[in-house]
Amino acid sequence: SEGMLTSSTGAMPRLVKSHRPHVTSSVVSLPPPPPNDSSRPPLPSADEGSTTNAGGSKPTAAGGWLGRLLATLRLSPEAVALAVAMLIAGALYDMFKGQSDLVKNKLLEYCYVSLEIRSHQPEFTMAMRWLSEQDATKRSRHITPRHPQFCYARRGHDEDGDDDDDDDDLLDSTTAAAAARGEQQYVPSSRMARAFIPGYGVHKVTFRGHTLWITREIDRHAAKDSAIDRFTGEPREVLNVMSFSLSREIIEAWYLEIKRLAAAERSVTTAVFMPDGSHWAQLCSKPKRPLDTLVLPLETAQLPEDVRRFFGMRDTYRQRGLPWRRGYLFTGLPGTGKSSLILAMASHANAKGVYMLSAASSKNLDDEKLLKLVNTVPPRSLLVIEDIDTGPFSRILKPSSDDLKPPGRKASSATSASSSSSDKTTSNNECQVTLSGLLNSLDGVAASEGRVLIMTSNSPACDLPAALVRPGRVDKIVSFGCMTAPECTLLLAKYGAPSDVSERFGTLLDGRVSAADVQGAVMLGEFNFERSSPAAGATTTLVRSPVEQQLQQLVVRKRT
């Protein structure tokens, strides 16, 4: 049954459902509020996290602690989440910042192909020449003056009519004189472009429709003792060639182009290398020496052809189990044509280069460095040891007088102590190669193959150690001496002398002069064989040409 529930304040009555169906009373009074008991703990508010969760369970202790902390700090959960996200993002940024180089290298490894060429490698010179000839680099704003090392050989004439020789100055004799007077002179653009090469930095060029980024920079990984090029005095450099490609085809094609240009350059010049530390560095490029400019005995004149045939006999040597090596010893006085023949041999055989070991290049050289130098000489090249009897190797070829004394008669300790201080400063710069190290580097187990060894000596072969000139190390000994009458006559005829002059002086100079003596006399006479008419009132009708005058003075010197 339903009854009426009326409040004591007189509010509107509301219907309530009675839980006691048999009670008929319609008015029920509300019970009084419970007394205020201070000992009873108050109920926690909703802000303190004391409310029950959706499942009706009690809140956890952690939730209550966090709720009270947020209430105390007056922070909302959204602000805390944002702070945590920023903290995680900062940690990730610091982690990736420390690994930026690694990430960059990995991206470049998968997206780019790069090639490094260092300045001591023979391809560096040709790569710099190729780079300087590109249209994009000719407009570069970062340039340096061209070094003679980065010059092409003479190949004809360019568009302004000048010889295409990179050794030409910006101002020839006429323009230089005018410039000295303060007059403005026109310099052809082609000559001006050849005066500079791209400087340090990144250069963007195009090769066969593909973009290449070539970076020229100082080699930071070079050893401290070889960080400076001893020939140019400049820091060692490195070229980094980079292509945006997943394949190496573009870089390989560019490298083959550089090798092709180097082969074309080698067809008109001969590269000369000298030691720079423990590796070879190109010193210069010499024009090829034709064989018809030499006047040699018939047997000696056949050596260039012998070297050319040797370079093509690699398979023959290997099939017979023989080391592919050849050795010569040139003996004779200075100026008899030893160096000229070496250059002619390299030119005729189209050798990759002439690798020189001389007194100037053998400082701080020991057995280990010598072995490394000899083993890095490429096949089809000439290895030349100049003046082996008087150069830095003479110490090991000829024992000193102190070494020949008995042990008890050697220099006293006082004498040696007094001289040790003076030798201490120079011992580090002297050649430290031993005879055993020299022999092992030339034809030991680890000796290189495919190269021709040429040793020059001013002394006869009998003055050298037998172990050095034995067959296998020296296959042929060639002696150079003074010119005979037919050789002198032929040499003067090559220089343009009339037949009567060449025959007369050939007879007078027979067996007395070297080729350098005759060449020097002709050059002093400026190759002028023209005789001037006698002066009026002269007692003689014969007036010698300038070359004849120099040759006559040479005859007088040799007779006295």
Protein backbone atom coordinates (compact mmCIF):
# COMPACT_ATOMS: atom_id res chain seq x y z
CA SER A 1 0.00 0.00 0.00
CA GLU A 2 1.03 3.59 -0.47
CA GLY A 3 0.98 6.41 2.05
CA MET A 4 1.67 10.11 2.20
CA LEU A 5 5.13 11.27 3.46
CA THR A 6 5.06 14.84 4.76
CA SER A 7 8.14 16.74 5.95
CA SER A 8 8.09 18.82 9.08
CA THR A 9 8.85 21.97 7.14
CA GLY A 10 5.62 21.91 5.24
CA ALA A 11 6.96 20.93 1.86
CA MET A 12 4.83 19.29 -0.76
CA PRO A 13 3.93 15.75 0.10
CA ARG A 14 5.47 12.97 -2.01
CA LEU A 15 4.40 9.44 -2.56
CA VAL A 16 6.61 6.73 -1.09
CA LYS A 17 6.27 3.06 -1.20
CA SER A 18 5.79 1.55 2.15
CA HIS A 19 7.70 -1.53 3.11
CA ARG A 20 5.09 -2.38 5.70
CA PRO A 21 1.82 -3.17 3.90
CA HIS A 22 -0.29 -3.37 7.12
CA VAL A 23 0.54 0.12 8.43
CA THR A 24 -2.30 2.53 7.82
CA SER A 25 -0.70 5.65 9.26
CA SER A 26 -0.23 8.28 6.57
CA VAL A 27 2.16 10.61 8.46
CA VAL A 28 5.67 9.59 9.46
CA SER A 29 8.11 11.91 11.19
CA LEU A 30 11.80 11.92 10.05
CA PRO A 31 14.32 10.81 12.65
CA PRO A 32 16.55 13.50 14.16
CA PRO A 33 20.11 13.86 12.87
CA PRO A 34 22.76 11.84 14.65
CA PRO A 35 24.69 13.60 17.36
CA ASN A 36 28.02 15.27 16.42
CA ASP A 37 30.66 12.82 17.62
CA SER A 38 34.14 14.36 17.40
CA SER A 39 35.77 11.00 17.97
CA ARG A 40 34.38 9.60 14.76
CA PRO A 41 36.74 10.19 11.76
CA PRO A 42 35.29 12.19 8.90
CA LEU A 43 34.61 10.53 5.63
CA PRO A 44 37.19 11.24 2.93
CA SER A 45 36.16 13.56 0.17
CA ALA A 46 36.09 12.75 -3.48
CA ASP A 47 39.11 14.98 -4.11
CA GLU A 48 41.23 12.84 -1.81
CA GLY A 49 40.63 9.80 -3.94
CA SER A 50 38.55 7.92 -1.28
CA THR A 51 35.65 7.21 -3.54
CA THR A 52 35.25 3.72 -4.82
CA ASN A 53 36.09 2.86 -8.36
CA ALA A 54 33.72 1.60 -10.97
CA GLY A 55 33.97 -1.96 -9.73
CA GLY A 56 33.17 -0.99 -6.23
CA SER A 57 36.63 -1.88 -4.87
CA LYS A 58 38.76 0.34 -2.70
CA PRO A 59 41.40 2.56 -4.34
CA THR A 60 45.01 1.39 -4.17
CA ALA A 61 47.62 2.99 -1.95
CA ALA A 62 49.63 4.21 -4.95
CA GLY A 63 46.58 5.85 -6.45
CA GLY A 64 45.84 7.58 -3.23
CA TRP A 65 49.41 8.84 -2.87
CA LEU A 66 49.46 10.15 -6.43
CA GLY A 67 46.10 11.77 -6.02
CA ARG A 68 47.16 13.53 -2.83
CA LEU A 69 50.43 14.66 -4.50
CA LEU A 70 48.59 16.10 -7.51
CA ALA A 71 46.14 17.80 -5.24
CA THR A 72 48.94 19.35 -3.22
CA LEU A 73 50.86 20.55 -6.28
CA ARG A 74 47.63 21.56 -8.02
CA LEU A 75 48.68 19.61 -11.19
CA SER A 76 46.37 17.88 -13.55
CA PRO A 77 47.15 14.42 -14.99
CA GLU A 78 47.42 15.97 -18.46
CA ALA A 79 50.26 18.25 -17.35
CA VAL A 80 52.13 15.31 -15.82
CA ALA A 81 51.78 13.29 -19.03
CA LEU A 82 53.09 16.21 -21.04
CA ALA A 83 56.12 16.58 -18.77
CA VAL A 84 56.93 12.88 -19.00
CA ALA A 85 56.64 13.00 -22.80
CA MET A 86 59.02 15.97 -22.96
CA LEU A 87 61.50 14.15 -20.73
CA ILE A 88 61.47 11.10 -22.97
CA ALA A 89 61.81 13.23 -26.11
CA GLY A 90 64.85 15.03 -24.64
CA ALA A 91 66.52 11.76 -23.77
CA LEU A 92 65.93 10.42 -27.27
CA TYR A 93 67.32 13.66 -28.81
CA ASP A 94 70.48 13.45 -26.73
CA MET A 95 70.91 9.81 -27.71
CA PHE A 96 70.52 10.47 -31.45
CA LYS A 97 72.66 13.61 -31.27
CA GLY A 98 75.58 11.57 -29.99
CA GLN A 99 75.08 9.06 -32.79
CA SER A 100 74.50 11.61 -35.56
CA ASP A 101 77.76 10.77 -37.35
CA LEU A 102 76.94 7.08 -37.24
CA VAL A 103 73.43 7.68 -38.60
CA LYS A 104 74.79 10.00 -41.30
CA ASN A 105 77.41 7.47 -42.36
CA LYS A 106 74.83 4.71 -42.53
CA LEU A 107 72.56 6.82 -44.71
CA LEU A 108 75.47 7.71 -46.99
CA GLU A 109 76.53 4.09 -47.11
CA TYR A 110 73.16 3.01 -48.45
CA CYS A 111 72.40 6.05 -50.63
CA TYR A 112 75.81 7.20 -51.91
CA VAL A 113 78.91 5.67 -53.44
CA SER A 114 82.21 7.40 -52.65
CA LEU A 115 85.81 7.02 -53.80
CA GLU A 116 88.86 8.44 -52.03
CA ILE A 117 92.05 9.30 -53.94
CA ARG A 118 95.00 10.50 -51.88
CA SER A 119 97.69 12.84 -53.14
CA HIS A 120 100.46 10.23 -53.11
CA GLN A 121 98.53 8.00 -55.50
CA PRO A 122 99.27 8.45 -59.22
CA GLU A 123 95.57 8.90 -60.05
CA PHE A 124 95.39 12.06 -57.91
CA THR A 125 97.28 14.21 -60.40
CA MET A 126 95.12 13.18 -63.35
CA ALA A 127 91.93 13.55 -61.28
CA MET A 128 92.88 17.14 -60.44
CA ARG A 129 93.63 17.84 -64.09
CA TRP A 130 90.26 16.43 -65.12
CA LEU A 131 88.49 18.46 -62.45
CA SER A 132 90.18 21.69 -63.51
CA GLU A 133 89.03 21.22 -67.12
CA GLN A 134 85.30 20.95 -66.31
CA ASP A 135 83.04 23.87 -67.21
CA ALA A 136 81.47 23.92 -63.74
CA THR A 137 84.81 24.23 -61.97
CA LYS A 138 86.04 26.91 -64.37
CA ARG A 139 83.29 29.10 -62.89
CA SER A 140 84.10 28.09 -59.32
CA ARG A 141 84.55 30.86 -56.77
CA HIS A 142 87.05 28.81 -54.73
CA ILE A 143 90.27 28.52 -56.75
CA THR A 144 94.02 28.25 -56.21
CA PRO A 145 96.96 28.87 -58.59
CA ARG A 146 97.83 25.86 -60.70
CA HIS A 147 100.88 23.88 -59.62
CA PRO A 148 103.16 22.55 -62.40
CA GLN A 149 102.30 19.05 -61.22
CA PHE A 150 98.73 19.53 -62.50
CA CYS A 151 99.75 20.48 -66.05
CA TYR A 152 99.04 18.59 -69.23
CA ALA A 153 101.72 17.82 -71.76
CA ARG A 154 101.96 19.84 -74.99
CA ARG A 155 99.20 18.78 -77.35
CA GLY A 156 99.01 21.40 -80.07
CA HIS A 157 97.44 24.85 -80.20
CA ASP A 158 94.35 26.21 -78.53
CA GLU A 159 91.76 28.62 -79.82
CA ASP A 160 93.81 31.73 -79.12
CA GLY A 161 96.75 30.49 -81.18
CA ASP A 162 99.09 29.87 -78.25
CA ASP A 163 100.79 26.60 -77.60
CA ASP A 164 98.64 24.50 -75.32
CA ASP A 165 101.38 24.16 -72.74
CA ASP A 166 100.38 24.65 -69.15
CA ASP A 167 103.86 25.90 -68.33
CA ASP A 168 103.09 29.11 -70.23
CA ASP A 169 102.93 32.20 -68.03
CA LEU A 170 99.93 34.47 -67.98
CA LEU A 171 102.11 37.21 -69.43
CA ASP A 172 104.49 36.43 -72.28
CA SER A 173 107.56 38.56 -72.97
CA THR A 174 105.59 41.23 -74.86
CA THR A 175 102.71 41.58 -72.41
CA ALA A 176 105.05 41.38 -69.42
CA ALA A 177 107.11 44.30 -70.72
CA ALA A 178 103.94 46.30 -71.36
CA ALA A 179 102.64 45.47 -67.89
CA ALA A 180 105.92 46.68 -66.38
CA ARG A 181 105.26 50.04 -68.06
CA GLY A 182 101.82 50.19 -66.48
CA GLU A 183 99.90 49.42 -69.66
CA GLN A 184 96.82 47.23 -69.48
CA GLN A 185 97.17 44.07 -71.55
CA TYR A 186 94.63 41.53 -72.71
CA VAL A 187 95.15 37.98 -71.47
CA PRO A 188 93.22 35.30 -73.41
CA SER A 189 90.51 33.61 -71.38
CA SER A 190 91.83 30.16 -72.23
CA ARG A 191 95.24 31.02 -70.81
CA MET A 192 93.64 32.61 -67.75
CA ALA A 193 91.52 29.49 -67.13
CA ARG A 194 94.62 27.30 -67.22
CA ALA A 195 96.24 29.39 -64.49
CA PHE A 196 93.91 28.16 -61.72
CA ILE A 197 92.57 24.91 -60.32
CA PRO A 198 89.61 24.30 -57.99
CA GLY A 199 90.37 25.11 -54.38
CA TYR A 200 89.39 23.31 -51.19
CA GLY A 201 85.74 22.49 -50.74
CA VAL A 202 82.94 20.70 -52.57
CA HIS A 203 82.66 20.99 -56.35
CA LYS A 204 79.58 19.81 -58.22
CA VAL A 205 80.28 18.47 -61.71
CA THR A 206 78.45 16.37 -64.28
CA PHE A 207 79.83 13.16 -65.75
CA ARG A 208 77.85 11.40 -68.48
CA GLY A 209 74.58 12.88 -67.29
CA HIS A 210 75.16 12.04 -63.63
CA THR A 211 76.04 14.48 -60.85
CA LEU A 212 79.27 14.00 -58.94
CA TRP A 213 80.29 15.82 -55.78
CA ILE A 214 84.09 16.05 -55.60
CA THR A 215 85.50 17.31 -52.32
CA ARG A 216 89.09 18.52 -52.15
CA GLU A 217 90.41 18.67 -48.60
CA ILE A 218 93.52 18.18 -46.50
CA ASP A 219 94.23 14.57 -45.62
CA ARG A 220 93.54 14.39 -41.89
CA HIS A 221 94.52 10.71 -41.72
CA ALA A 222 98.06 11.18 -43.06
CA ALA A 223 100.89 10.18 -40.74
CA LYS A 224 102.65 12.98 -38.92
CA ASP A 225 105.99 12.26 -40.57
CA SER A 226 104.44 12.45 -44.05
CA ALA A 227 101.71 15.06 -43.60
CA ILE A 228 103.64 17.52 -45.80
CA ASP A 229 104.60 16.79 -49.40
CA ARG A 230 108.37 17.10 -49.52
CA PHE A 231 108.36 18.19 -53.16
CA THR A 232 105.64 20.85 -53.11
CA GLY A 233 105.81 21.82 -49.43
CA GLU A 234 102.01 21.66 -49.27
CA PRO A 235 99.88 19.51 -46.96
CA ARG A 236 98.82 16.18 -48.31
CA GLU A 237 95.36 16.19 -49.83
CA VAL A 238 92.56 13.78 -50.58
CA LEU A 239 89.81 13.84 -53.21
CA ASN A 240 86.47 12.37 -52.18
CA VAL A 241 84.31 11.59 -55.23
CA MET A 242 80.66 10.93 -54.34
CA SER A 243 77.71 9.84 -56.45
CA PHE A 244 74.04 9.61 -55.42
CA SER A 245 73.43 6.08 -56.61
CA LEU A 246 72.85 2.60 -55.27
CA SER A 247 75.28 1.15 -57.82
CA ARG A 248 79.02 1.65 -58.26
CA GLU A 249 78.80 1.85 -62.05
CA ILE A 250 79.09 5.66 -62.24
CA ILE A 251 82.12 5.83 -59.94
CA GLU A 252 83.78 2.93 -61.73
CA ALA A 253 83.17 4.56 -65.12
CA TRP A 254 84.66 7.83 -63.86
CA TYR A 255 87.72 6.02 -62.49
CA LEU A 256 88.23 4.23 -65.80
CA GLU A 257 88.06 7.60 -67.55
CA ILE A 258 90.81 8.90 -65.27
CA LYS A 259 92.92 5.82 -66.04
CA ARG A 260 92.33 6.33 -69.77
CA LEU A 261 93.47 9.94 -69.56
CA ALA A 262 96.54 8.84 -67.61
CA ALA A 263 97.36 6.29 -70.33
CA ALA A 264 96.97 8.97 -72.99
CA GLU A 265 99.25 11.27 -71.01
CA ARG A 266 101.76 8.47 -70.63
CA SER A 267 101.90 8.09 -74.41
CA VAL A 268 103.57 11.50 -74.74
CA THR A 269 105.34 11.85 -71.39
CA THR A 270 107.26 9.75 -68.88
CA ALA A 271 106.42 10.17 -65.20
CA VAL A 272 109.31 10.38 -62.73
CA PHE A 273 108.76 9.32 -59.12
CA MET A 274 110.90 9.71 -56.01
CA PRO A 275 110.45 8.40 -52.44
CA ASP A 276 108.43 10.49 -50.04
CA GLY A 277 108.60 8.69 -46.74
CA SER A 278 107.62 5.07 -47.27
CA HIS A 279 105.78 5.58 -50.56
CA TRP A 280 106.40 7.07 -53.99
CA ALA A 281 105.37 10.55 -55.09
CA GLN A 282 105.38 11.92 -58.62
CA LEU A 283 108.11 14.49 -59.06
CA CYS A 284 107.50 15.55 -62.66
CA SER A 285 106.64 14.37 -66.17
CA LYS A 286 109.32 14.40 -68.83
CA PRO A 287 108.68 14.47 -72.58
CA LYS A 288 109.46 11.19 -74.24
CA ARG A 289 112.98 10.82 -75.61
CA PRO A 290 113.04 9.47 -79.18
CA LEU A 291 115.68 6.90 -79.96
CA ASP A 292 116.91 8.78 -83.01
CA THR A 293 118.17 11.58 -80.78
CA LEU A 294 120.77 9.26 -79.24
CA VAL A 295 124.10 8.22 -80.71
CA LEU A 296 125.15 4.95 -79.11
CA PRO A 297 127.05 1.82 -80.06
CA LEU A 298 124.95 -0.77 -81.85
CA GLU A 299 124.81 -3.16 -78.91
CA THR A 300 123.80 -0.44 -76.47
CA ALA A 301 121.20 1.01 -78.83
CA GLN A 302 119.33 -2.32 -78.74
CA LEU A 303 118.54 -2.07 -75.01
CA PRO A 304 115.27 -0.09 -75.39
CA GLU A 305 113.87 -2.80 -77.64
CA ASP A 306 115.06 -5.43 -75.19
CA VAL A 307 113.09 -3.76 -72.39
CA ARG A 308 109.98 -3.51 -74.57
CA ARG A 309 110.11 -7.25 -75.30
CA PHE A 310 110.66 -8.05 -71.62
CA PHE A 311 107.47 -6.24 -70.59
CA GLY A 312 105.50 -8.56 -72.88
CA MET A 313 107.00 -11.85 -71.58
CA ARG A 314 105.16 -12.23 -68.27
CA ASP A 315 103.46 -15.50 -69.19
CA THR A 316 106.69 -16.92 -70.57
CA TYR A 317 108.50 -16.34 -67.29
CA ARG A 318 105.66 -17.71 -65.18
CA GLN A 319 105.28 -20.88 -67.24
CA ARG A 320 108.95 -21.67 -66.63
CA GLY A 321 108.84 -20.79 -62.95
CA LEU A 322 111.24 -17.85 -63.32
CA PRO A 323 110.94 -14.49 -61.56
CA TRP A 324 109.76 -11.85 -63.99
CA ARG A 325 112.63 -9.45 -63.40
CA ARG A 326 115.43 -7.89 -65.43
CA GLY A 327 118.53 -6.02 -64.22
CA TYR A 328 121.16 -3.79 -65.86
CA LEU A 329 124.30 -2.10 -64.59
CA PHE A 330 125.45 1.04 -66.43
CA THR A 331 129.06 1.96 -65.75
CA GLY A 332 131.04 4.86 -67.12
CA LEU A 333 132.14 8.42 -66.57
CA PRO A 334 129.56 11.18 -66.03
CA GLY A 335 128.09 12.63 -69.21
CA THR A 336 128.49 9.51 -71.32
CA GLY A 337 124.74 9.02 -71.87
CA LYS A 338 123.56 6.76 -69.02
CA SER A 339 120.62 8.95 -67.92
CA SER A 340 119.64 9.73 -71.51
CA LEU A 341 119.48 6.04 -72.32
CA ILE A 342 117.31 5.36 -69.27
CA LEU A 343 114.76 7.96 -70.38
CA ALA A 344 114.85 6.58 -73.93
CA MET A 345 114.26 3.04 -72.63
CA ALA A 346 111.23 4.18 -70.63
CA SER A 347 109.89 6.12 -73.60
CA HIS A 348 110.34 3.32 -76.13
CA ALA A 349 108.85 0.64 -73.86
CA ASN A 350 105.98 2.95 -72.77
CA ALA A 351 106.85 2.31 -69.12
CA LYS A 352 104.44 3.42 -66.43
CA GLY A 353 107.16 5.49 -64.83
CA VAL A 354 110.75 5.85 -63.74
CA TYR A 355 111.22 5.35 -59.98
CA MET A 356 114.45 6.98 -58.81
CA LEU A 357 116.56 6.20 -55.74
CA SER A 358 119.34 8.75 -55.34
CA ALA A 359 121.37 10.37 -52.60
CA ALA A 360 118.81 13.13 -52.16
CA SER A 361 115.91 10.70 -51.78
CA SER A 362 117.57 8.08 -49.57
CA LYS A 363 117.72 10.00 -46.30
CA ASN A 364 116.10 8.26 -43.31
CA LEU A 365 115.89 5.10 -45.43
CA ASP A 366 116.21 1.72 -43.74
CA ASP A 367 115.71 -1.90 -44.78
CA GLU A 368 111.98 -1.91 -44.04
CA LYS A 369 111.25 1.28 -45.98
CA LEU A 370 113.43 0.16 -48.88
CA LEU A 371 111.61 -3.16 -49.13
CA LYS A 372 108.25 -1.39 -49.09
CA LEU A 373 109.36 1.08 -51.74
CA VAL A 374 110.69 -1.59 -54.09
CA ASN A 375 107.61 -3.78 -53.66
CA THR A 376 105.26 -0.90 -54.49
CA VAL A 377 106.89 -0.21 -57.86
CA PRO A 378 104.18 -1.20 -60.37
CA PRO A 379 104.88 -3.73 -63.12
CA ARG A 380 106.23 -2.44 -66.43
CA SER A 381 108.23 0.29 -64.71
CA LEU A 382 111.91 1.16 -64.33
CA LEU A 383 113.55 1.17 -60.90
CA VAL A 384 116.74 3.25 -61.10
CA ILE A 385 119.41 3.42 -58.39
CA GLU A 386 121.71 6.28 -59.34
CA ASP A 387 125.42 6.40 -58.46
CA ILE A 388 125.35 3.28 -56.36
CA ASP A 389 129.12 3.49 -55.87
CA THR A 390 129.19 7.07 -54.59
CA GLY A 391 125.68 7.59 -53.27
CA PRO A 392 124.16 6.62 -49.92
CA PHE A 393 124.71 2.92 -50.61
CA SER A 394 128.47 3.28 -50.94
CA ARG A 395 128.78 2.87 -47.17
CA ILE A 396 127.58 -0.71 -47.36
CA LEU A 397 129.36 -1.56 -50.62
CA LYS A 398 132.81 -0.43 -49.48
CA PRO A 399 133.90 -1.21 -45.90
CA SER A 400 135.49 1.64 -44.00
CA SER A 401 139.12 1.61 -42.93
CA ASP A 402 138.09 1.15 -39.31
CA ASP A 403 136.17 -2.02 -40.21
CA LEU A 404 139.30 -3.50 -41.84
CA LYS A 405 141.37 -3.12 -38.66
CA PRO A 406 141.74 -5.97 -36.16
CA PRO A 407 139.42 -5.76 -33.16
CA GLY A 408 142.26 -4.63 -30.89
CA ARG A 409 143.39 -1.84 -33.19
CA LYS A 410 140.08 -0.12 -33.78
CA ALA A 411 139.47 3.43 -32.68
CA SER A 412 139.74 3.97 -28.97
CA SER A 413 136.74 4.63 -26.82
CA ALA A 414 137.89 8.20 -26.16
CA THR A 415 138.10 8.94 -29.85
CA SER A 416 134.77 7.34 -30.52
CA ALA A 417 133.19 9.22 -27.64
CA SER A 418 134.47 12.54 -28.97
CA SER A 419 133.07 11.85 -32.42
CA SER A 420 129.77 10.39 -31.23
CA SER A 421 128.41 13.82 -30.34
CA SER A 422 129.02 15.12 -33.88
CA ASP A 423 127.65 11.96 -35.47
CA LYS A 424 124.58 11.90 -33.28
CA THR A 425 122.97 14.82 -35.04
CA THR A 426 123.49 13.33 -38.50
CA SER A 427 122.89 9.64 -37.75
CA ASN A 428 119.15 10.06 -37.92
CA ASN A 429 119.36 11.54 -41.42
CA GLU A 430 121.78 9.00 -42.88
CA CYS A 431 120.80 6.02 -44.95
CA GLN A 432 120.46 3.00 -42.63
CA VAL A 433 120.13 0.37 -45.36
CA THR A 434 122.33 -2.70 -44.97
CA LEU A 435 123.79 -4.80 -47.76
CA SER A 436 121.54 -7.71 -46.81
CA GLY A 437 118.48 -5.46 -46.91
CA LEU A 438 119.48 -4.10 -50.32
CA LEU A 439 119.98 -7.56 -51.81
CA ASN A 440 116.74 -8.95 -50.36
CA SER A 441 114.72 -6.01 -51.64
CA LEU A 442 116.09 -6.45 -55.17
CA ASP A 443 115.54 -10.18 -55.65
CA GLY A 444 114.59 -11.72 -52.32
CA VAL A 445 111.55 -13.86 -51.60
CA ALA A 446 109.36 -10.78 -51.13
CA ALA A 447 110.81 -8.84 -54.09
CA SER A 448 108.36 -7.47 -56.63
CA GLU A 449 108.20 -8.61 -60.25
CA GLY A 450 107.55 -7.01 -63.60
CA ARG A 451 109.98 -4.13 -63.16
CA VAL A 452 113.39 -3.47 -64.71
CA LEU A 453 116.24 -2.61 -62.33
CA ILE A 454 118.91 -0.21 -63.61
CA MET A 455 121.90 0.69 -61.45
CA THR A 456 124.37 3.36 -62.53
CA SER A 457 127.96 3.56 -61.38
CA ASN A 458 130.94 5.72 -62.23
CA SER A 459 133.27 2.90 -61.17
CA PRO A 460 133.82 -0.37 -63.04
CA ALA A 461 131.75 -3.40 -62.13
CA CYS A 462 134.78 -5.07 -60.58
CA ASP A 463 134.75 -2.48 -57.77
CA LEU A 464 131.26 -3.53 -56.66
CA PRO A 465 130.43 -6.56 -54.47
CA ALA A 466 130.09 -9.78 -56.42
CA ALA A 467 126.80 -10.54 -54.65
CA LEU A 468 125.31 -7.35 -56.11
CA VAL A 469 126.30 -7.89 -59.73
CA ARG A 470 125.79 -11.64 -59.96
CA PRO A 471 123.48 -13.04 -62.70
CA GLY A 472 119.90 -12.84 -61.55
CA ARG A 473 120.34 -9.41 -60.04
CA VAL A 474 122.30 -7.90 -62.93
CA ASP A 475 121.65 -9.63 -66.23
CA LYS A 476 123.76 -7.31 -68.35
CA ILE A 477 126.61 -4.87 -67.71
CA VAL A 478 126.84 -1.97 -70.15
CA SER A 479 129.95 0.24 -70.25
CA PHE A 480 129.78 3.84 -71.46
CA GLY A 481 132.89 5.66 -72.68
CA CYS A 482 134.08 8.51 -74.84
CA MET A 483 132.67 8.94 -78.32
CA THR A 484 134.40 7.53 -81.34
CA ALA A 485 134.95 9.55 -84.51
CA PRO A 486 131.90 8.07 -86.35
CA GLU A 487 129.69 8.66 -83.31
CA CYS A 488 130.88 12.24 -82.90
CA THR A 489 130.38 12.90 -86.60
CA LEU A 490 126.85 11.50 -86.48
CA LEU A 491 125.95 13.50 -83.38
CA LEU A 492 127.11 16.78 -84.95
CA ALA A 493 125.14 15.97 -88.08
CA LYS A 494 122.00 15.48 -85.95
CA TYR A 495 122.52 18.96 -84.55
CA GLY A 496 122.65 20.42 -88.08
CA ALA A 497 126.38 20.72 -88.70
CA PRO A 498 127.59 20.67 -92.32
CA SER A 499 129.27 17.48 -93.42
CA ASP A 500 132.74 18.98 -93.61
CA VAL A 501 132.44 20.42 -90.09
CA SER A 502 131.08 17.22 -88.55
CA GLU A 503 133.76 15.05 -90.19
CA ARG A 504 136.61 17.38 -89.29
CA PHE A 505 135.69 17.74 -85.64
CA GLY A 506 134.72 14.10 -85.41
CA THR A 507 138.28 13.21 -86.29
CA LEU A 508 139.74 15.79 -83.91
CA LEU A 509 137.56 14.67 -80.97
CA ASP A 510 137.91 10.92 -81.53
CA GLY A 511 138.01 9.14 -78.15
CA ARG A 512 138.51 12.34 -76.18
CA VAL A 513 135.05 13.71 -75.38
CA SER A 514 131.74 12.51 -74.10
CA ALA A 515 128.35 13.18 -75.59
CA ALA A 516 127.74 15.84 -72.94
CA ASP A 517 130.90 17.70 -74.05
CA VAL A 518 129.77 17.87 -77.67
CA GLN A 519 126.22 18.80 -76.68
CA GLY A 520 127.46 21.59 -74.42
CA ALA A 521 129.62 23.08 -77.18
CA VAL A 522 126.73 23.08 -79.62
CA MET A 523 124.39 24.73 -77.12
CA LEU A 524 126.96 27.39 -76.26
CA GLY A 525 127.15 28.13 -79.99
CA GLU A 526 123.35 28.38 -80.02
CA PHE A 527 123.18 25.76 -82.78
CA ASN A 528 124.50 28.37 -85.20
CA PHE A 529 126.62 26.81 -87.96
CA GLU A 530 126.45 29.79 -90.30
CA ARG A 531 129.77 31.37 -91.17
CA SER A 532 129.92 35.12 -91.48
CA SER A 533 131.80 36.87 -94.30
CA PRO A 534 135.33 38.07 -93.42
CA ALA A 535 135.76 41.67 -92.50
CA ALA A 536 137.35 44.11 -94.93
CA GLY A 537 141.12 43.90 -94.86
CA ALA A 538 141.17 40.56 -93.02
CA THR A 539 144.13 38.34 -93.73
CA THR A 540 142.10 35.13 -93.70
CA THR A 541 139.08 34.14 -95.71
CA LEU A 542 137.85 31.56 -93.17
CA VAL A 543 135.56 32.71 -90.39
CA ARG A 544 134.29 29.96 -88.12
CA SER A 545 130.67 29.76 -87.06
CA PRO A 546 129.80 30.12 -83.34
CA VAL A 547 129.51 26.34 -82.96
CA GLU A 548 132.85 25.78 -84.69
CA GLN A 549 134.48 28.21 -82.29
CA GLN A 550 133.12 26.33 -79.30
CA LEU A 551 134.20 22.99 -80.75
CA GLN A 552 137.71 24.32 -81.42
CA GLN A 553 137.97 25.43 -77.79
CA LEU A 554 136.85 21.96 -76.76
CA VAL A 555 139.60 20.38 -78.84
CA VAL A 556 142.19 22.61 -77.20
CA ARG A 557 140.97 21.77 -73.70
CA LYS A 558 141.04 18.03 -74.34
CA ARG A 559 144.53 18.15 -75.83
CA THR A 560 145.91 19.97 -72.81
